[in-house]
Amino acid sequence: MLLELQQVIVKPGQQMLLKDISWQQLENILEELGEKRAARVSYSNGWLELMVPLPEHEKDKEIIGDLVKILLEELDIDFEPLGSTTLKNELMKQAVEPDACFYIKNCAAVIGKKHIDLNIIPPPDLAIEIDITSRTYFDNYEMLGVPELWRYTQNGLQINLLEQGKYIEANFSPNFPNIPIIELVNEYVQQTLNVGRSQAIRAFKNWIKNNL
């Protein structure tokens, strides 16, 4: 007996792994799950992972995404934020949904696009993963060619840059040169926990005003 996807329940903070999933099955699953689903999807060579984040995961995702947007706006840099858009490449049999992603240098390539097909357009310049309750596997992002991947864990922000097809850890962000982005993200995410989002964002804007 085949199970319907709607019969499958994945609790927050848990993951489900399915094997031998074809590309067409993946497309059908994404369509059935819909755009406003709680579960996030990662697919690689027939393996499909479904994960439902915990509330603390979502809070970190939102604040880090807000910090990036504010910084880009204050620097007067054009960008397109695509959130958890599904990044897909059928030829490579890869698909992944970051917690957040940004087109910066290549922002013109996605203006007006409703679906992101990496067979046709370049990958996002920056992807962000929150690894509070799970661990990001780099393979998808490496194969899709995402040049910069941020991982935020309980130990803080880690920046990974793609070099010759593999990620290496770095202490700077090419998208924010000469800005101590690791220290800033770590400090203001912590401030959000201590004093709340509004005060932390105001303090971050003051830092920008006084230092940039």
N, C-alpha and C. Protein backbone atom coordinates (compact mmCIF):
# COMPACT_ATOMS: atom_id res chain seq x y z
N MET A 1 0.85 -1.20 0.00
CA MET A 1 0.00 0.00 0.00
C MET A 1 0.88 1.25 0.00
N LEU A 2 0.62 2.19 -0.88
CA LEU A 2 1.39 3.42 -0.96
C LEU A 2 0.81 4.47 -0.03
N LEU A 3 1.67 5.15 0.67
CA LEU A 3 1.24 6.24 1.55
C LEU A 3 1.09 7.52 0.75
N GLU A 4 0.07 8.29 1.07
CA GLU A 4 -0.06 9.64 0.53
C GLU A 4 0.85 10.56 1.35
N LEU A 5 1.43 11.56 0.70
CA LEU A 5 2.33 12.46 1.39
C LEU A 5 1.63 13.16 2.55
N GLN A 6 0.35 13.46 2.40
CA GLN A 6 -0.37 14.16 3.46
C GLN A 6 -0.55 13.31 4.71
N GLN A 7 -0.29 11.99 4.58
CA GLN A 7 -0.37 11.12 5.75
C GLN A 7 0.92 11.11 6.56
N VAL A 8 1.99 11.67 5.99
CA VAL A 8 3.30 11.67 6.65
C VAL A 8 3.40 12.89 7.57
N ILE A 9 3.75 12.67 8.82
CA ILE A 9 3.89 13.76 9.79
C ILE A 9 5.34 13.82 10.26
N VAL A 10 5.96 14.98 10.08
CA VAL A 10 7.31 15.22 10.57
C VAL A 10 7.21 16.30 11.64
N LYS A 11 7.59 15.97 12.86
CA LYS A 11 7.47 16.92 13.96
C LYS A 11 8.59 17.95 13.91
N PRO A 12 8.36 19.16 14.45
CA PRO A 12 9.40 20.18 14.49
C PRO A 12 10.69 19.67 15.12
N GLY A 13 11.80 19.95 14.46
CA GLY A 13 13.10 19.51 14.93
C GLY A 13 13.49 18.13 14.45
N GLN A 14 12.58 17.48 13.70
CA GLN A 14 12.87 16.13 13.20
C GLN A 14 13.02 16.12 11.69
N GLN A 15 13.59 15.02 11.18
CA GLN A 15 13.84 14.87 9.75
C GLN A 15 13.33 13.53 9.28
N MET A 16 12.99 13.46 8.01
CA MET A 16 12.62 12.20 7.38
C MET A 16 13.43 12.05 6.11
N LEU A 17 14.00 10.86 5.88
CA LEU A 17 14.82 10.60 4.72
C LEU A 17 14.14 9.55 3.85
N LEU A 18 13.95 9.88 2.57
CA LEU A 18 13.34 8.97 1.60
C LEU A 18 14.34 8.67 0.50
N LYS A 19 14.39 7.41 0.04
CA LYS A 19 15.35 7.04 -1.00
C LYS A 19 14.64 6.68 -2.29
N ASP A 20 15.42 6.63 -3.37
CA ASP A 20 14.94 6.26 -4.70
C ASP A 20 13.78 7.15 -5.16
N ILE A 21 13.92 8.44 -4.90
CA ILE A 21 12.92 9.42 -5.35
C ILE A 21 13.38 9.98 -6.69
N SER A 22 12.57 9.83 -7.72
CA SER A 22 12.93 10.34 -9.04
C SER A 22 12.74 11.85 -9.08
N TRP A 23 13.27 12.48 -10.11
CA TRP A 23 13.11 13.93 -10.25
C TRP A 23 11.64 14.30 -10.40
N GLN A 24 10.89 13.51 -11.17
CA GLN A 24 9.47 13.80 -11.34
C GLN A 24 8.72 13.64 -10.03
N GLN A 25 9.11 12.64 -9.24
CA GLN A 25 8.50 12.49 -7.92
C GLN A 25 8.80 13.68 -7.03
N LEU A 26 10.04 14.16 -7.11
CA LEU A 26 10.41 15.36 -6.35
C LEU A 26 9.52 16.53 -6.74
N GLU A 27 9.37 16.76 -8.05
CA GLU A 27 8.53 17.86 -8.52
C GLU A 27 7.09 17.69 -8.02
N ASN A 28 6.59 16.47 -8.04
CA ASN A 28 5.22 16.22 -7.56
C ASN A 28 5.11 16.50 -6.07
N ILE A 29 6.13 16.09 -5.31
CA ILE A 29 6.13 16.32 -3.86
C ILE A 29 6.15 17.81 -3.55
N LEU A 30 6.99 18.55 -4.26
CA LEU A 30 7.07 20.00 -4.04
C LEU A 30 5.73 20.66 -4.35
N GLU A 31 5.09 20.20 -5.42
CA GLU A 31 3.79 20.77 -5.78
C GLU A 31 2.73 20.43 -4.74
N GLU A 32 2.77 19.19 -4.24
CA GLU A 32 1.78 18.77 -3.24
C GLU A 32 2.00 19.50 -1.91
N LEU A 33 3.25 19.68 -1.54
CA LEU A 33 3.55 20.37 -0.28
C LEU A 33 3.14 21.84 -0.35
N GLY A 34 3.29 22.44 -1.53
CA GLY A 34 2.90 23.84 -1.70
C GLY A 34 3.97 24.81 -1.22
N GLU A 35 3.73 26.09 -1.49
CA GLU A 35 4.71 27.13 -1.18
C GLU A 35 4.76 27.46 0.31
N LYS A 36 3.63 27.33 1.02
CA LYS A 36 3.56 27.80 2.40
C LYS A 36 3.65 26.64 3.39
N ARG A 37 4.49 25.69 3.08
CA ARG A 37 4.64 24.52 3.94
C ARG A 37 5.61 24.80 5.08
N ALA A 38 5.51 23.97 6.12
CA ALA A 38 6.44 24.09 7.24
C ALA A 38 7.75 23.35 6.95
N ALA A 39 7.66 22.26 6.19
CA ALA A 39 8.83 21.42 5.94
C ALA A 39 9.75 22.04 4.89
N ARG A 40 11.05 21.85 5.08
CA ARG A 40 12.04 22.23 4.08
C ARG A 40 12.62 20.98 3.44
N VAL A 41 13.07 21.14 2.20
CA VAL A 41 13.43 20.00 1.37
C VAL A 41 14.89 20.08 0.94
N SER A 42 15.55 18.92 0.96
CA SER A 42 16.89 18.80 0.38
C SER A 42 16.92 17.51 -0.44
N TYR A 43 17.42 17.58 -1.68
CA TYR A 43 17.38 16.43 -2.59
C TYR A 43 18.74 16.27 -3.26
N SER A 44 19.23 15.04 -3.29
CA SER A 44 20.51 14.77 -3.94
C SER A 44 20.53 13.34 -4.46
N ASN A 45 20.58 13.21 -5.78
CA ASN A 45 20.75 11.90 -6.43
C ASN A 45 19.79 10.84 -5.90
N GLY A 46 18.51 11.18 -5.80
CA GLY A 46 17.50 10.21 -5.41
C GLY A 46 17.16 10.19 -3.93
N TRP A 47 17.98 10.86 -3.10
CA TRP A 47 17.70 10.93 -1.65
C TRP A 47 16.98 12.24 -1.35
N LEU A 48 15.85 12.13 -0.68
CA LEU A 48 15.05 13.30 -0.33
C LEU A 48 14.94 13.39 1.18
N GLU A 49 15.31 14.56 1.72
CA GLU A 49 15.19 14.81 3.15
C GLU A 49 14.15 15.89 3.39
N LEU A 50 13.22 15.60 4.30
CA LEU A 50 12.23 16.57 4.76
C LEU A 50 12.55 16.93 6.20
N MET A 51 12.59 18.23 6.50
CA MET A 51 12.92 18.69 7.85
C MET A 51 11.99 19.82 8.23
N VAL A 52 11.49 19.78 9.47
CA VAL A 52 10.64 20.84 9.99
C VAL A 52 11.41 21.58 11.08
N PRO A 53 11.71 22.87 10.89
CA PRO A 53 12.51 23.61 11.88
C PRO A 53 11.77 23.85 13.19
N LEU A 54 12.55 24.05 14.24
CA LEU A 54 12.02 24.48 15.53
C LEU A 54 11.85 26.00 15.54
N PRO A 55 11.05 26.55 16.47
CA PRO A 55 10.84 28.00 16.51
C PRO A 55 12.13 28.81 16.65
N GLU A 56 13.10 28.31 17.45
CA GLU A 56 14.35 29.07 17.62
C GLU A 56 15.13 29.15 16.32
N HIS A 57 15.00 28.13 15.50
CA HIS A 57 15.62 28.12 14.17
C HIS A 57 15.05 29.27 13.33
N GLU A 58 13.74 29.43 13.36
CA GLU A 58 13.09 30.47 12.56
C GLU A 58 13.46 31.86 13.03
N LYS A 59 13.60 32.04 14.35
CA LYS A 59 13.98 33.35 14.88
C LYS A 59 15.37 33.76 14.40
N ASP A 60 16.32 32.82 14.46
CA ASP A 60 17.68 33.13 14.00
C ASP A 60 17.69 33.42 12.50
N LYS A 61 16.91 32.66 11.75
CA LYS A 61 16.83 32.88 10.30
C LYS A 61 16.35 34.29 10.00
N GLU A 62 15.31 34.72 10.70
CA GLU A 62 14.72 36.03 10.43
C GLU A 62 15.68 37.15 10.79
N ILE A 63 16.33 37.07 11.95
CA ILE A 63 17.20 38.17 12.36
C ILE A 63 18.43 38.27 11.47
N ILE A 64 19.02 37.12 11.10
CA ILE A 64 20.20 37.18 10.23
C ILE A 64 19.82 37.70 8.85
N GLY A 65 18.69 37.26 8.35
CA GLY A 65 18.22 37.79 7.06
C GLY A 65 17.99 39.29 7.12
N ASP A 66 17.41 39.77 8.24
CA ASP A 66 17.18 41.20 8.40
C ASP A 66 18.50 41.98 8.44
N LEU A 67 19.50 41.44 9.14
CA LEU A 67 20.79 42.12 9.22
C LEU A 67 21.42 42.25 7.84
N VAL A 68 21.32 41.19 7.03
CA VAL A 68 21.88 41.23 5.67
C VAL A 68 21.16 42.28 4.83
N LYS A 69 19.83 42.29 4.90
CA LYS A 69 19.06 43.26 4.12
C LYS A 69 19.40 44.70 4.51
N ILE A 70 19.46 44.95 5.81
CA ILE A 70 19.78 46.31 6.27
C ILE A 70 21.15 46.73 5.80
N LEU A 71 22.12 45.83 5.90
CA LEU A 71 23.48 46.15 5.50
C LEU A 71 23.55 46.45 4.00
N LEU A 72 22.92 45.62 3.19
CA LEU A 72 22.92 45.85 1.74
C LEU A 72 22.24 47.17 1.38
N GLU A 73 21.14 47.46 2.05
CA GLU A 73 20.43 48.71 1.78
C GLU A 73 21.27 49.93 2.17
N GLU A 74 21.92 49.85 3.34
CA GLU A 74 22.74 50.97 3.80
C GLU A 74 23.97 51.17 2.91
N LEU A 75 24.46 50.08 2.33
CA LEU A 75 25.60 50.17 1.40
C LEU A 75 25.17 50.55 -0.01
N ASP A 76 23.85 50.71 -0.19
CA ASP A 76 23.28 51.08 -1.49
C ASP A 76 23.62 50.05 -2.57
N ILE A 77 23.52 48.77 -2.20
CA ILE A 77 23.80 47.65 -3.12
C ILE A 77 22.48 47.04 -3.56
N ASP A 78 22.27 46.91 -4.86
CA ASP A 78 21.07 46.25 -5.36
C ASP A 78 21.10 44.77 -5.01
N PHE A 79 19.96 44.23 -4.63
CA PHE A 79 19.90 42.81 -4.29
C PHE A 79 18.47 42.32 -4.41
N GLU A 80 18.32 41.02 -4.51
CA GLU A 80 17.01 40.37 -4.52
C GLU A 80 17.02 39.26 -3.46
N PRO A 81 16.23 39.40 -2.40
CA PRO A 81 16.15 38.34 -1.39
C PRO A 81 15.12 37.29 -1.82
N LEU A 82 15.54 36.03 -1.85
CA LEU A 82 14.63 34.97 -2.31
C LEU A 82 14.24 34.00 -1.21
N GLY A 83 14.59 34.32 0.05
CA GLY A 83 14.15 33.50 1.17
C GLY A 83 14.52 32.04 1.02
N SER A 84 13.54 31.15 1.22
CA SER A 84 13.77 29.70 1.14
C SER A 84 13.37 29.12 -0.21
N THR A 85 13.53 29.91 -1.26
CA THR A 85 13.21 29.45 -2.61
C THR A 85 13.93 28.14 -2.91
N THR A 86 13.24 27.21 -3.56
CA THR A 86 13.86 25.94 -3.94
C THR A 86 14.85 26.16 -5.09
N LEU A 87 16.10 25.82 -4.84
CA LEU A 87 17.15 25.93 -5.85
C LEU A 87 17.30 24.56 -6.50
N LYS A 88 17.09 24.47 -7.82
CA LYS A 88 17.04 23.16 -8.48
C LYS A 88 17.91 23.13 -9.73
N ASN A 89 18.52 21.97 -9.94
CA ASN A 89 19.23 21.70 -11.19
C ASN A 89 18.97 20.24 -11.55
N GLU A 90 18.09 20.03 -12.54
CA GLU A 90 17.69 18.67 -12.89
C GLU A 90 18.86 17.86 -13.44
N LEU A 91 19.72 18.51 -14.23
CA LEU A 91 20.85 17.78 -14.82
C LEU A 91 21.77 17.22 -13.74
N MET A 92 21.94 17.98 -12.67
CA MET A 92 22.81 17.53 -11.57
C MET A 92 22.05 16.70 -10.53
N LYS A 93 20.71 16.61 -10.71
CA LYS A 93 19.86 15.89 -9.75
C LYS A 93 20.05 16.42 -8.33
N GLN A 94 20.02 17.75 -8.23
CA GLN A 94 20.21 18.41 -6.94
C GLN A 94 19.11 19.45 -6.72
N ALA A 95 18.64 19.54 -5.49
CA ALA A 95 17.70 20.58 -5.10
C ALA A 95 17.87 20.85 -3.62
N VAL A 96 17.76 22.11 -3.24
CA VAL A 96 17.92 22.45 -1.83
C VAL A 96 17.16 23.74 -1.55
N GLU A 97 16.69 23.86 -0.32
CA GLU A 97 15.99 25.06 0.11
C GLU A 97 16.76 25.68 1.27
N PRO A 98 17.51 26.74 1.03
CA PRO A 98 18.23 27.40 2.12
C PRO A 98 17.26 28.09 3.06
N ASP A 99 17.74 28.44 4.24
CA ASP A 99 16.90 29.23 5.13
C ASP A 99 16.68 30.63 4.56
N ALA A 100 17.69 31.13 3.88
CA ALA A 100 17.59 32.42 3.19
C ALA A 100 18.63 32.43 2.09
N CYS A 101 18.35 33.17 1.03
CA CYS A 101 19.37 33.34 0.00
C CYS A 101 19.19 34.70 -0.66
N PHE A 102 20.30 35.20 -1.19
CA PHE A 102 20.32 36.55 -1.77
C PHE A 102 21.05 36.54 -3.10
N TYR A 103 20.42 37.16 -4.08
CA TYR A 103 21.11 37.48 -5.33
C TYR A 103 21.62 38.91 -5.20
N ILE A 104 22.90 39.07 -5.34
CA ILE A 104 23.53 40.39 -5.15
C ILE A 104 24.20 40.81 -6.47
N LYS A 105 25.34 40.23 -6.78
CA LYS A 105 25.99 40.54 -8.06
C LYS A 105 25.12 40.13 -9.24
N ASN A 106 24.38 39.05 -9.06
CA ASN A 106 23.54 38.53 -10.15
C ASN A 106 22.06 38.84 -9.94
N CYS A 107 21.76 39.92 -9.24
CA CYS A 107 20.36 40.20 -8.90
C CYS A 107 19.50 40.44 -10.14
N ALA A 108 20.08 41.00 -11.19
CA ALA A 108 19.30 41.27 -12.40
C ALA A 108 18.77 39.99 -13.03
N ALA A 109 19.46 38.88 -12.78
CA ALA A 109 19.08 37.60 -13.43
C ALA A 109 17.78 37.04 -12.89
N VAL A 110 17.33 37.48 -11.70
CA VAL A 110 16.14 36.88 -11.10
C VAL A 110 14.97 37.84 -10.98
N ILE A 111 15.14 39.06 -11.42
CA ILE A 111 14.04 40.02 -11.35
C ILE A 111 12.88 39.52 -12.22
N GLY A 112 11.73 39.38 -11.62
CA GLY A 112 10.55 38.92 -12.34
C GLY A 112 10.42 37.41 -12.47
N LYS A 113 11.40 36.66 -11.95
CA LYS A 113 11.36 35.20 -12.06
C LYS A 113 10.57 34.61 -10.89
N LYS A 114 9.63 33.72 -11.19
CA LYS A 114 8.85 33.05 -10.16
C LYS A 114 9.46 31.72 -9.75
N HIS A 115 10.22 31.11 -10.64
CA HIS A 115 10.87 29.83 -10.35
C HIS A 115 12.35 29.94 -10.68
N ILE A 116 13.19 29.34 -9.85
CA ILE A 116 14.63 29.43 -10.02
C ILE A 116 15.15 28.10 -10.55
N ASP A 117 15.52 28.10 -11.82
CA ASP A 117 16.08 26.92 -12.47
C ASP A 117 17.56 27.19 -12.72
N LEU A 118 18.41 26.49 -11.98
CA LEU A 118 19.85 26.75 -12.07
C LEU A 118 20.47 26.15 -13.31
N ASN A 119 19.65 25.51 -14.17
CA ASN A 119 20.13 25.18 -15.52
C ASN A 119 20.23 26.43 -16.38
N ILE A 120 19.45 27.44 -15.99
CA ILE A 120 19.30 28.62 -16.84
C ILE A 120 19.98 29.85 -16.25
N ILE A 121 19.82 30.05 -14.95
CA ILE A 121 20.37 31.26 -14.31
C ILE A 121 21.42 30.86 -13.30
N PRO A 122 22.29 31.78 -12.91
CA PRO A 122 23.34 31.46 -11.92
C PRO A 122 22.73 31.24 -10.54
N PRO A 123 23.47 30.57 -9.65
CA PRO A 123 22.99 30.36 -8.29
C PRO A 123 23.03 31.67 -7.50
N PRO A 124 22.37 31.71 -6.34
CA PRO A 124 22.44 32.92 -5.51
C PRO A 124 23.87 33.20 -5.07
N ASP A 125 24.16 34.46 -4.86
CA ASP A 125 25.51 34.86 -4.42
C ASP A 125 25.75 34.49 -2.96
N LEU A 126 24.69 34.40 -2.19
CA LEU A 126 24.81 34.10 -0.77
C LEU A 126 23.64 33.23 -0.33
N ALA A 127 23.95 32.12 0.34
CA ALA A 127 22.91 31.28 0.96
C ALA A 127 23.21 31.18 2.45
N ILE A 128 22.14 31.08 3.24
CA ILE A 128 22.28 31.02 4.69
C ILE A 128 21.55 29.81 5.22
N GLU A 129 22.22 29.06 6.08
CA GLU A 129 21.62 27.91 6.73
C GLU A 129 21.75 28.06 8.25
N ILE A 130 20.65 27.81 8.95
CA ILE A 130 20.64 27.84 10.41
C ILE A 130 20.72 26.40 10.91
N ASP A 131 21.81 26.06 11.55
CA ASP A 131 22.04 24.69 11.98
C ASP A 131 21.94 24.55 13.50
N ILE A 132 20.83 25.00 14.05
CA ILE A 132 20.62 24.88 15.49
C ILE A 132 20.15 23.47 15.84
N THR A 133 19.28 22.90 14.99
CA THR A 133 18.71 21.59 15.30
C THR A 133 19.16 20.51 14.32
N SER A 134 19.89 20.88 13.28
CA SER A 134 20.36 19.90 12.30
C SER A 134 21.64 20.43 11.68
N ARG A 135 22.26 19.59 10.86
CA ARG A 135 23.53 19.99 10.24
C ARG A 135 23.37 20.06 8.73
N THR A 136 23.83 21.17 8.16
CA THR A 136 23.79 21.33 6.71
C THR A 136 24.88 20.49 6.06
N TYR A 137 24.51 19.78 5.01
CA TYR A 137 25.50 19.07 4.20
C TYR A 137 25.83 19.94 3.00
N PHE A 138 27.12 20.10 2.76
CA PHE A 138 27.56 21.05 1.75
C PHE A 138 27.38 20.56 0.32
N ASP A 139 27.17 19.25 0.12
CA ASP A 139 27.21 18.69 -1.23
C ASP A 139 26.28 19.40 -2.20
N ASN A 140 25.02 19.62 -1.78
CA ASN A 140 24.06 20.28 -2.66
C ASN A 140 24.58 21.63 -3.13
N TYR A 141 25.01 22.42 -2.16
CA TYR A 141 25.45 23.78 -2.47
C TYR A 141 26.71 23.79 -3.33
N GLU A 142 27.62 22.86 -3.05
CA GLU A 142 28.84 22.77 -3.85
C GLU A 142 28.50 22.43 -5.30
N MET A 143 27.64 21.43 -5.49
CA MET A 143 27.29 21.02 -6.84
C MET A 143 26.49 22.08 -7.59
N LEU A 144 25.67 22.83 -6.85
CA LEU A 144 24.90 23.90 -7.48
C LEU A 144 25.73 25.15 -7.71
N GLY A 145 26.92 25.21 -7.11
CA GLY A 145 27.84 26.31 -7.38
C GLY A 145 27.56 27.59 -6.62
N VAL A 146 26.93 27.48 -5.44
CA VAL A 146 26.67 28.68 -4.63
C VAL A 146 28.01 29.18 -4.07
N PRO A 147 28.43 30.39 -4.43
CA PRO A 147 29.80 30.83 -4.09
C PRO A 147 30.05 31.10 -2.61
N GLU A 148 28.98 31.47 -1.87
CA GLU A 148 29.18 31.79 -0.45
C GLU A 148 28.03 31.20 0.36
N LEU A 149 28.38 30.41 1.37
CA LEU A 149 27.39 29.76 2.23
C LEU A 149 27.70 30.08 3.68
N TRP A 150 26.70 30.65 4.36
CA TRP A 150 26.84 30.92 5.79
C TRP A 150 26.13 29.81 6.56
N ARG A 151 26.79 29.29 7.60
CA ARG A 151 26.17 28.38 8.55
C ARG A 151 26.15 29.04 9.92
N TYR A 152 24.96 29.15 10.50
CA TYR A 152 24.88 29.68 11.85
C TYR A 152 24.55 28.54 12.79
N THR A 153 25.42 28.30 13.76
CA THR A 153 25.24 27.22 14.72
C THR A 153 25.23 27.80 16.13
N GLN A 154 25.17 26.94 17.11
CA GLN A 154 25.21 27.40 18.51
C GLN A 154 26.56 28.04 18.83
N ASN A 155 27.55 27.78 17.99
CA ASN A 155 28.87 28.40 18.19
C ASN A 155 29.04 29.70 17.41
N GLY A 156 28.01 30.11 16.68
CA GLY A 156 28.09 31.35 15.94
C GLY A 156 28.15 31.15 14.43
N LEU A 157 28.52 32.22 13.73
CA LEU A 157 28.51 32.22 12.26
C LEU A 157 29.79 31.63 11.69
N GLN A 158 29.62 30.81 10.66
CA GLN A 158 30.74 30.26 9.89
C GLN A 158 30.53 30.63 8.43
N ILE A 159 31.55 31.20 7.80
CA ILE A 159 31.48 31.57 6.39
C ILE A 159 32.26 30.54 5.58
N ASN A 160 31.63 30.03 4.52
CA ASN A 160 32.27 29.06 3.64
C ASN A 160 32.27 29.59 2.21
N LEU A 161 33.44 29.59 1.60
CA LEU A 161 33.59 30.10 0.23
C LEU A 161 33.95 28.96 -0.70
N LEU A 162 33.35 28.97 -1.89
CA LEU A 162 33.56 27.90 -2.86
C LEU A 162 34.85 28.14 -3.64
N GLU A 163 35.77 27.20 -3.54
CA GLU A 163 37.03 27.27 -4.29
C GLU A 163 37.29 25.92 -4.94
N GLN A 164 37.36 25.93 -6.28
CA GLN A 164 37.59 24.71 -7.05
C GLN A 164 36.59 23.61 -6.68
N GLY A 165 35.33 24.02 -6.52
CA GLY A 165 34.25 23.06 -6.30
C GLY A 165 34.06 22.61 -4.88
N LYS A 166 34.87 23.11 -3.93
CA LYS A 166 34.74 22.72 -2.53
C LYS A 166 34.73 23.96 -1.64
N TYR A 167 34.03 23.84 -0.51
CA TYR A 167 33.99 24.96 0.42
C TYR A 167 35.20 24.96 1.35
N ILE A 168 35.73 26.15 1.56
CA ILE A 168 36.75 26.35 2.57
C ILE A 168 36.23 27.41 3.54
N GLU A 169 36.56 27.25 4.81
CA GLU A 169 36.10 28.21 5.81
C GLU A 169 36.92 29.49 5.71
N ALA A 170 36.26 30.63 5.84
CA ALA A 170 36.93 31.92 5.72
C ALA A 170 36.51 32.82 6.87
N ASN A 171 37.30 33.85 7.13
CA ASN A 171 36.98 34.78 8.21
C ASN A 171 36.46 36.11 7.66
N PHE A 172 36.05 36.12 6.39
CA PHE A 172 35.51 37.34 5.77
C PHE A 172 34.46 36.95 4.74
N SER A 173 33.67 37.93 4.32
CA SER A 173 32.66 37.73 3.29
C SER A 173 32.97 38.59 2.08
N PRO A 174 33.16 37.99 0.89
CA PRO A 174 33.41 38.79 -0.32
C PRO A 174 32.25 39.73 -0.64
N ASN A 175 31.04 39.38 -0.19
CA ASN A 175 29.90 40.27 -0.44
C ASN A 175 29.90 41.49 0.47
N PHE A 176 30.66 41.40 1.58
CA PHE A 176 30.77 42.53 2.51
C PHE A 176 32.24 42.77 2.87
N PRO A 177 33.04 43.15 1.88
CA PRO A 177 34.47 43.32 2.14
C PRO A 177 34.73 44.41 3.17
N ASN A 178 35.75 44.17 3.99
CA ASN A 178 36.19 45.14 5.01
C ASN A 178 35.16 45.38 6.11
N ILE A 179 34.19 44.46 6.24
CA ILE A 179 33.20 44.55 7.32
C ILE A 179 33.33 43.30 8.18
N PRO A 180 33.43 43.45 9.50
CA PRO A 180 33.59 42.28 10.38
C PRO A 180 32.27 41.53 10.54
N ILE A 181 31.85 40.87 9.47
CA ILE A 181 30.50 40.32 9.41
C ILE A 181 30.27 39.22 10.44
N ILE A 182 31.28 38.40 10.69
CA ILE A 182 31.11 37.32 11.68
C ILE A 182 30.83 37.91 13.05
N GLU A 183 31.64 38.87 13.45
CA GLU A 183 31.46 39.50 14.76
C GLU A 183 30.11 40.21 14.86
N LEU A 184 29.72 40.88 13.78
CA LEU A 184 28.46 41.61 13.79
C LEU A 184 27.26 40.67 13.93
N VAL A 185 27.24 39.63 13.12
CA VAL A 185 26.12 38.70 13.17
C VAL A 185 26.03 38.05 14.55
N ASN A 186 27.18 37.58 15.06
CA ASN A 186 27.17 36.94 16.37
C ASN A 186 26.68 37.88 17.46
N GLU A 187 27.16 39.13 17.41
CA GLU A 187 26.80 40.10 18.46
C GLU A 187 25.32 40.44 18.43
N TYR A 188 24.77 40.70 17.23
CA TYR A 188 23.39 41.19 17.18
C TYR A 188 22.36 40.08 17.25
N VAL A 189 22.72 38.87 16.87
CA VAL A 189 21.82 37.74 17.16
C VAL A 189 21.72 37.55 18.67
N GLN A 190 22.85 37.66 19.36
CA GLN A 190 22.85 37.53 20.82
C GLN A 190 22.07 38.67 21.46
N GLN A 191 22.23 39.87 20.92
CA GLN A 191 21.47 41.00 21.45
C GLN A 191 19.97 40.78 21.31
N THR A 192 19.57 40.16 20.20
CA THR A 192 18.15 39.86 20.01
C THR A 192 17.63 38.98 21.13
N LEU A 193 18.44 38.01 21.56
CA LEU A 193 18.03 37.13 22.66
C LEU A 193 17.95 37.89 23.98
N ASN A 194 18.84 38.87 24.14
CA ASN A 194 18.93 39.58 25.43
C ASN A 194 17.92 40.72 25.57
N VAL A 195 17.76 41.51 24.50
CA VAL A 195 16.94 42.72 24.61
C VAL A 195 15.79 42.76 23.61
N GLY A 196 15.68 41.75 22.74
CA GLY A 196 14.61 41.72 21.75
C GLY A 196 15.05 42.26 20.40
N ARG A 197 14.27 41.92 19.38
CA ARG A 197 14.64 42.26 18.01
C ARG A 197 14.71 43.77 17.78
N SER A 198 13.73 44.51 18.24
CA SER A 198 13.66 45.93 17.92
C SER A 198 14.88 46.70 18.42
N GLN A 199 15.26 46.46 19.67
CA GLN A 199 16.42 47.15 20.21
C GLN A 199 17.70 46.71 19.51
N ALA A 200 17.80 45.42 19.19
CA ALA A 200 19.00 44.92 18.51
C ALA A 200 19.14 45.53 17.12
N ILE A 201 18.04 45.65 16.40
CA ILE A 201 18.07 46.24 15.06
C ILE A 201 18.45 47.72 15.14
N ARG A 202 17.91 48.44 16.12
CA ARG A 202 18.27 49.85 16.27
C ARG A 202 19.76 49.99 16.58
N ALA A 203 20.29 49.12 17.43
CA ALA A 203 21.72 49.16 17.75
C ALA A 203 22.56 48.85 16.53
N PHE A 204 22.10 47.91 15.71
CA PHE A 204 22.83 47.55 14.50
C PHE A 204 22.86 48.73 13.52
N LYS A 205 21.75 49.41 13.38
CA LYS A 205 21.70 50.58 12.48
C LYS A 205 22.61 51.69 13.00
N ASN A 206 22.68 51.84 14.31
CA ASN A 206 23.60 52.83 14.88
C ASN A 206 25.05 52.46 14.61
N TRP A 207 25.36 51.15 14.70
CA TRP A 207 26.73 50.71 14.38
C TRP A 207 27.07 51.07 12.93
N ILE A 208 26.16 50.80 12.02
CA ILE A 208 26.38 51.12 10.62
C ILE A 208 26.62 52.61 10.43
N LYS A 209 25.76 53.43 11.08
CA LYS A 209 25.87 54.89 10.95
C LYS A 209 27.22 55.39 11.45
N ASN A 210 27.74 54.77 12.51
CA ASN A 210 28.98 55.26 13.11
C ASN A 210 30.24 54.65 12.49
N ASN A 211 30.10 53.56 11.74
CA ASN A 211 31.28 52.85 11.26
C ASN A 211 31.41 52.74 9.75
N LEU A 212 30.35 53.00 9.02
CA LEU A 212 30.42 52.87 7.55
C LEU A 212 30.25 54.22 6.87
